[in-house]
Protein backbone atom coordinates (compact mmCIF):
# COMPACT_ATOMS: atom_id res chain seq x y z
CA MET A 1 40.47 15.91 6.11
CA SER A 2 38.27 13.57 8.13
CA GLU A 3 36.35 10.88 6.35
CA ALA A 4 32.61 11.36 5.75
CA PRO A 5 30.38 9.49 8.22
CA LEU A 6 29.01 6.27 6.78
CA HIS A 7 25.45 5.01 6.61
CA THR A 8 24.70 1.29 6.81
CA ARG A 9 22.46 -0.61 4.43
CA TRP A 10 21.21 -4.12 5.05
CA LEU A 11 20.00 -6.34 2.23
CA MET A 12 17.60 -8.69 3.97
CA LYS A 13 15.81 -11.96 3.44
CA LEU A 14 12.32 -11.05 4.61
CA PRO A 15 9.21 -13.11 3.81
CA PRO A 16 6.19 -10.84 3.15
CA ASP A 17 4.21 -12.23 6.07
CA GLN A 18 6.96 -11.09 8.47
CA GLU A 19 7.37 -7.60 7.00
CA ASP A 20 5.15 -5.60 9.37
CA MET A 21 6.64 -7.11 12.52
CA VAL A 22 10.22 -6.76 11.28
CA THR A 23 9.60 -3.17 10.17
CA ASP A 24 8.42 -2.30 13.70
CA TRP A 25 11.49 -4.06 15.13
CA LEU A 26 13.81 -2.07 12.85
CA LEU A 27 12.14 1.25 13.68
CA GLU A 28 12.54 0.55 17.40
CA ARG A 29 16.27 0.15 16.71
CA ARG A 30 16.38 3.52 14.91
CA ALA A 31 16.47 2.40 11.30
CA SER A 32 16.07 5.52 9.17
CA ALA A 33 14.38 3.96 6.13
CA MET A 34 13.17 0.67 4.70
CA TYR A 35 11.80 -0.38 1.34
CA ARG A 36 11.10 -3.39 -0.82
CA GLU A 37 11.97 -3.34 -4.52
CA ALA A 38 8.98 -2.97 -6.83
CA GLU A 39 10.19 -5.50 -9.36
CA PRO A 40 11.52 -9.05 -9.06
CA SER A 41 13.22 -10.16 -6.94
CA MET A 42 11.44 -7.76 -4.54
CA ARG A 43 14.50 -7.49 -2.27
CA PHE A 44 14.11 -5.71 1.07
CA TYR A 45 16.52 -3.06 2.37
CA ALA A 46 16.95 -1.36 5.74
CA TYR A 47 19.09 1.73 6.43
CA PHE A 48 20.79 3.03 9.56
CA PRO A 49 22.24 6.55 9.89
CA PRO A 50 25.90 7.16 10.83
CA ASP A 51 25.13 7.93 14.48
CA VAL A 52 23.28 4.63 15.01
CA ALA A 53 25.02 1.31 15.57
CA PRO A 54 22.99 -1.34 13.71
CA PRO A 55 21.66 -4.13 15.92
CA ASP A 56 23.16 -7.59 15.92
CA PRO A 57 21.79 -9.33 12.78
CA GLY A 58 21.63 -12.54 14.79
CA ALA A 59 18.81 -11.04 16.85
CA LEU A 60 16.55 -11.43 13.81
CA SER A 61 16.41 -15.16 14.53
CA ILE A 62 13.27 -14.49 16.58
CA PHE A 63 11.47 -14.07 13.22
CA ASP A 64 10.81 -17.01 10.90
CA GLY A 65 12.94 -16.95 7.76
CA VAL A 66 14.41 -13.47 8.36
CA SER A 67 18.13 -12.72 8.06
CA VAL A 68 20.65 -10.17 6.77
CA ILE A 69 22.14 -11.26 3.45
CA SER A 70 24.75 -8.51 3.15
CA THR A 71 25.84 -5.24 4.78
CA GLU A 72 27.06 -2.17 2.90
CA ARG A 73 28.50 1.14 4.15
CA PHE A 74 28.23 4.35 2.13
CA ALA A 75 28.67 8.11 2.55
CA ASP A 76 26.06 10.86 2.68
CA GLU A 77 26.48 11.84 -0.93
CA ASP A 78 25.35 8.37 -2.00
CA TRP A 79 22.20 8.30 0.15
CA LEU A 80 19.67 9.52 -2.39
CA ALA A 81 20.96 7.25 -5.13
CA LYS A 82 21.07 4.27 -2.80
CA SER A 83 17.51 4.81 -1.57
CA ARG A 84 16.25 4.96 -5.15
CA GLU A 85 18.00 1.86 -6.42
CA GLY A 86 15.64 -0.84 -7.59
CA PHE A 87 12.54 1.36 -7.90
CA GLY A 88 11.76 1.87 -11.58
CA SER A 89 8.62 2.54 -13.61
CA PHE A 90 6.13 -0.26 -14.26
CA GLU A 91 2.65 -0.95 -15.59
CA VAL A 92 -0.27 -2.05 -13.43
CA GLY A 93 -3.35 -3.75 -14.84
CA ARG A 94 -4.81 -2.49 -18.10
CA VAL A 95 -4.78 1.22 -17.29
CA PHE A 96 -2.03 2.49 -15.01
CA PHE A 97 1.64 3.35 -15.39
CA ILE A 98 3.51 4.03 -12.16
CA ARG A 99 6.74 5.97 -12.14
CA PRO A 100 8.84 7.35 -9.27
CA LEU A 101 9.06 11.11 -8.83
CA TRP A 102 12.69 11.26 -9.94
CA LYS A 103 12.16 9.56 -13.32
CA GLU A 104 11.06 11.68 -16.29
CA GLU A 105 9.33 9.06 -18.39
CA GLN A 106 6.25 9.13 -20.60
CA ALA A 107 3.46 6.67 -19.96
CA PRO A 108 2.86 4.18 -22.79
CA PRO A 109 -0.09 5.05 -25.06
CA GLY A 110 -3.44 4.40 -23.41
CA ARG A 111 -2.07 4.30 -19.87
CA ILE A 112 -2.57 6.83 -17.08
CA PRO A 113 0.60 7.91 -15.24
CA LEU A 114 0.70 7.81 -11.45
CA ILE A 115 3.70 9.47 -9.77
CA VAL A 116 4.92 8.02 -6.47
CA ASN A 117 7.57 9.09 -3.99
CA PRO A 118 8.54 6.11 -1.82
CA GLY A 119 8.80 7.19 1.79
CA LEU A 120 7.15 6.60 5.15
CA ALA A 121 3.67 5.65 3.96
CA PHE A 122 2.60 2.40 2.29
CA GLY A 123 1.17 2.70 -1.20
CA THR A 124 3.57 3.06 -4.11
CA GLY A 125 2.24 0.26 -6.29
CA GLY A 126 5.37 -1.70 -5.54
CA HIS A 127 3.60 -4.28 -3.39
CA GLU A 128 1.49 -7.05 -4.87
CA THR A 129 -1.52 -6.20 -2.72
CA THR A 130 -1.71 -2.64 -4.05
CA ARG A 131 -1.51 -3.81 -7.64
CA LEU A 132 -4.17 -6.46 -7.06
CA CYS A 133 -6.55 -3.87 -5.62
CA MET A 134 -5.95 -1.53 -8.55
CA CYS A 135 -6.80 -4.32 -11.00
CA LEU A 136 -10.05 -5.08 -9.16
CA LEU A 137 -10.90 -1.37 -9.27
CA GLU A 138 -10.46 -1.56 -13.04
CA ASP A 139 -12.89 -4.49 -13.14
CA LEU A 140 -15.50 -2.52 -11.20
CA ALA A 141 -15.03 0.44 -13.52
CA LEU A 142 -15.64 -1.81 -16.54
CA ASP A 143 -18.81 -3.07 -14.84
CA LYS A 144 -19.84 0.57 -14.24
CA ALA A 145 -19.94 -0.12 -10.50
CA LEU A 146 -17.95 2.91 -9.33
CA ASN A 147 -21.12 4.96 -9.15
CA GLY A 148 -21.43 5.67 -5.42
CA PRO A 149 -19.43 6.82 -2.39
CA VAL A 150 -16.04 5.11 -1.90
CA LEU A 151 -14.15 4.70 1.39
CA ASP A 152 -10.46 3.74 1.44
CA ILE A 153 -9.62 2.22 4.85
CA GLY A 154 -5.94 2.32 5.80
CA SER A 155 -5.15 4.40 2.76
CA GLY A 156 -1.40 4.94 3.13
CA THR A 157 -0.46 7.41 0.39
CA GLY A 158 -3.99 7.35 -1.00
CA ILE A 159 -2.95 5.63 -4.21
CA LEU A 160 -6.07 3.41 -4.32
CA ALA A 161 -8.38 6.35 -3.64
CA PHE A 162 -6.69 8.29 -6.43
CA ALA A 163 -6.91 5.31 -8.78
CA ALA A 164 -10.65 5.07 -8.06
CA HIS A 165 -10.93 8.77 -8.88
CA LEU A 166 -9.14 8.30 -12.21
CA LEU A 167 -11.44 5.40 -13.04
CA GLY A 168 -14.54 7.54 -12.61
CA ALA A 169 -15.54 7.49 -8.94
CA GLU A 170 -16.71 10.92 -7.77
CA ASP A 171 -17.24 10.78 -4.00
CA ILE A 172 -14.16 9.33 -2.29
CA THR A 173 -12.90 9.47 1.29
CA ALA A 174 -9.54 8.05 2.42
CA PHE A 175 -8.14 7.74 5.94
CA ASP A 176 -5.33 6.09 7.88
CA ILE A 177 -4.49 5.90 11.57
CA ASP A 178 -0.80 6.68 10.88
CA PRO A 179 -0.06 10.43 11.28
CA ASP A 180 2.61 10.20 8.54
CA CYS A 181 -0.15 9.39 6.06
CA GLY A 182 -1.70 12.85 6.31
CA PRO A 183 1.26 14.58 4.62
CA ALA A 184 1.78 11.56 2.36
CA MET A 185 -1.77 11.79 0.97
CA ALA A 186 -1.46 15.55 0.47
CA GLU A 187 1.82 15.01 -1.36
CA PHE A 188 0.32 12.28 -3.53
CA ILE A 189 -2.57 14.51 -4.61
CA GLN A 190 -0.18 17.38 -5.39
CA MET A 191 2.24 15.19 -7.39
CA ASN A 192 -0.60 13.81 -9.51
CA SER A 193 -2.65 16.98 -9.90
CA ALA A 194 -2.05 17.05 -13.66
CA ALA A 195 -3.81 13.69 -14.06
CA ALA A 196 -6.69 14.50 -11.67
CA ARG A 197 -10.12 15.14 -13.14
CA HIS A 198 -10.71 17.97 -10.65
CA THR A 199 -8.92 19.70 -7.79
CA SER A 200 -10.25 17.47 -4.96
CA PRO A 201 -9.87 13.85 -6.12
CA PHE A 202 -10.57 12.51 -2.62
CA LEU A 203 -11.05 13.71 0.96
CA PRO A 204 -8.05 12.62 3.08
CA PHE A 205 -7.78 12.54 6.85
CA VAL A 206 -5.99 10.83 9.72
CA GLY A 207 -8.37 8.93 11.98
CA THR A 208 -10.25 5.69 12.51
CA LEU A 209 -13.28 3.91 11.12
CA GLU A 210 -15.26 5.26 14.07
CA ASP A 211 -14.63 8.87 13.05
CA PRO A 212 -17.92 10.88 13.07
CA ARG A 213 -17.15 12.11 9.55
CA LEU A 214 -17.87 8.59 8.30
CA ASN A 215 -21.58 8.88 9.03
CA ARG A 216 -23.14 7.36 5.91
CA LYS A 217 -23.21 4.25 3.71
CA TYR A 218 -20.61 3.58 1.02
CA LYS A 219 -21.00 1.73 -2.26
CA LEU A 220 -17.40 0.51 -2.12
CA LEU A 221 -14.94 -0.13 0.70
CA LEU A 222 -11.23 -0.54 -0.04
CA ALA A 223 -9.26 -2.38 2.64
CA ASN A 224 -5.66 -3.14 1.68
CA ILE A 225 -4.67 -4.05 5.22
CA LEU A 226 -3.70 -7.25 7.01
CA LEU A 227 -6.24 -10.06 7.31
CA GLU A 228 -6.19 -9.81 11.11
CA THR A 229 -7.16 -6.13 10.88
CA ILE A 230 -9.89 -6.90 8.35
CA GLN A 231 -11.32 -9.53 10.70
CA GLU A 232 -11.19 -7.10 13.64
CA LEU A 233 -12.84 -4.24 11.72
CA LEU A 234 -15.33 -6.27 9.68
CA PRO A 235 -18.41 -5.70 11.93
CA LEU A 236 -17.84 -1.93 11.79
CA MET A 237 -17.03 -2.05 8.07
CA LEU A 238 -20.38 -3.72 7.39
CA GLN A 239 -22.14 -0.87 9.21
CA LYS A 240 -20.60 1.48 6.64
CA LEU A 241 -21.36 -0.65 3.57
CA ALA A 242 -24.54 -0.07 1.57
CA PRO A 243 -26.75 -3.04 0.60
CA ASN A 244 -25.34 -4.66 -2.55
CA GLY A 245 -22.17 -2.63 -2.04
CA TYR A 246 -18.69 -3.98 -2.69
CA LEU A 247 -15.59 -4.69 -0.65
CA ILE A 248 -12.11 -4.97 -2.16
CA ALA A 249 -9.91 -6.59 0.48
CA SER A 250 -6.23 -7.46 0.30
CA GLY A 251 -3.21 -7.83 2.56
CA ILE A 252 -4.20 -11.50 2.61
CA LEU A 253 -1.63 -14.27 2.16
CA ALA A 254 -2.67 -16.85 -0.41
CA GLU A 255 -2.20 -19.64 2.13
CA ARG A 256 -5.00 -18.05 4.21
CA GLN A 257 -7.48 -17.70 1.33
CA ASP A 258 -9.98 -20.23 2.72
CA GLU A 259 -9.97 -18.53 6.12
CA ALA A 260 -10.52 -15.11 4.54
CA LEU A 261 -13.34 -16.24 2.25
CA LEU A 262 -15.11 -18.04 5.08
CA ASN A 263 -14.94 -14.95 7.30
CA LEU A 264 -16.40 -12.79 4.54
CA ALA A 265 -19.15 -15.27 3.69
CA VAL A 266 -20.25 -15.68 7.31
CA SER A 267 -20.56 -11.88 7.50
CA GLY A 268 -22.84 -11.69 4.47
CA LEU A 269 -20.18 -10.84 1.89
CA LYS A 270 -20.34 -13.00 -1.23
CA PRO A 271 -16.90 -13.41 -2.86
CA ILE A 272 -17.15 -12.57 -6.57
CA ARG A 273 -13.54 -12.64 -7.66
CA VAL A 274 -10.20 -13.67 -6.15
CA THR A 275 -6.94 -12.56 -7.78
CA LEU A 276 -3.42 -13.74 -7.01
CA GLU A 277 0.07 -12.28 -7.37
CA GLY A 278 3.06 -13.87 -5.71
CA GLU A 279 2.13 -14.91 -2.18
CA TRP A 280 -0.83 -12.54 -1.91
CA ILE A 281 -4.48 -12.44 -2.91
CA ALA A 282 -7.16 -9.78 -3.20
CA VAL A 283 -10.89 -10.44 -2.93
CA LEU A 284 -13.81 -8.63 -4.50
CA ALA A 285 -16.99 -9.36 -2.54
CA GLN A 286 -20.55 -8.02 -2.57
CA TYR A 287 -22.64 -7.38 0.52
CA SER A 288 -26.08 -9.00 0.76
CA GLY A 289 -27.11 -7.05 3.84
């Protein structure tokens, strides 16, 4: 009997600020999956299928601080278990309890369960930026400020849009430019239908901020994207933001906080709150325009 073909798994040293570039590099070299653990020490893994020869790890030297720590080979029957290692259930903020699809686990008393299925789209609650945005959404809910249209820009799975829905927002739109996010948002809504307050928690679509469907003003914009993208889109974002409306922005490294706050202030956005987790920050700002 011939031996089963073996997959390859890399355990990598990958600073968060290099993750997007390295992920693109890995995909170009036919990596089949990648994920970062949700809990400390937030290790990063990349997978290659049996019919793909992994690239030379030394080629990663073009990225600052990136390397392969160890390489493991395993058979098909271990794939599902391997891909799920390191992703457990955890609490976020004061309200939420996130658990992966494969774990049957009750949420602690007083917490709302959110079911995630880590895959192609960003937004499982495992990254600091997602958790920071969810906590700022909780703050707005306590201030009774989720009382107008909400737009989630670069929504990934739609986890932030769904969290806003659970916290009381009624009119929510979520979009992403990545085609994989269309099915991911539909799956997220279906997985969490039991927790939803009604059958259409948010309107999802694949598109851009210039989409004609976004033809009104929003009370709240959610932008958990990279700072460079925020800076690029900010003039158009302000066209969509109602006077005295709010922006929750993340994907911002803590070392670039001053740059981010200055950019927002120059554009008429007054920072109200800055939160920090690990190497990342999120900003809640209000528009004076």
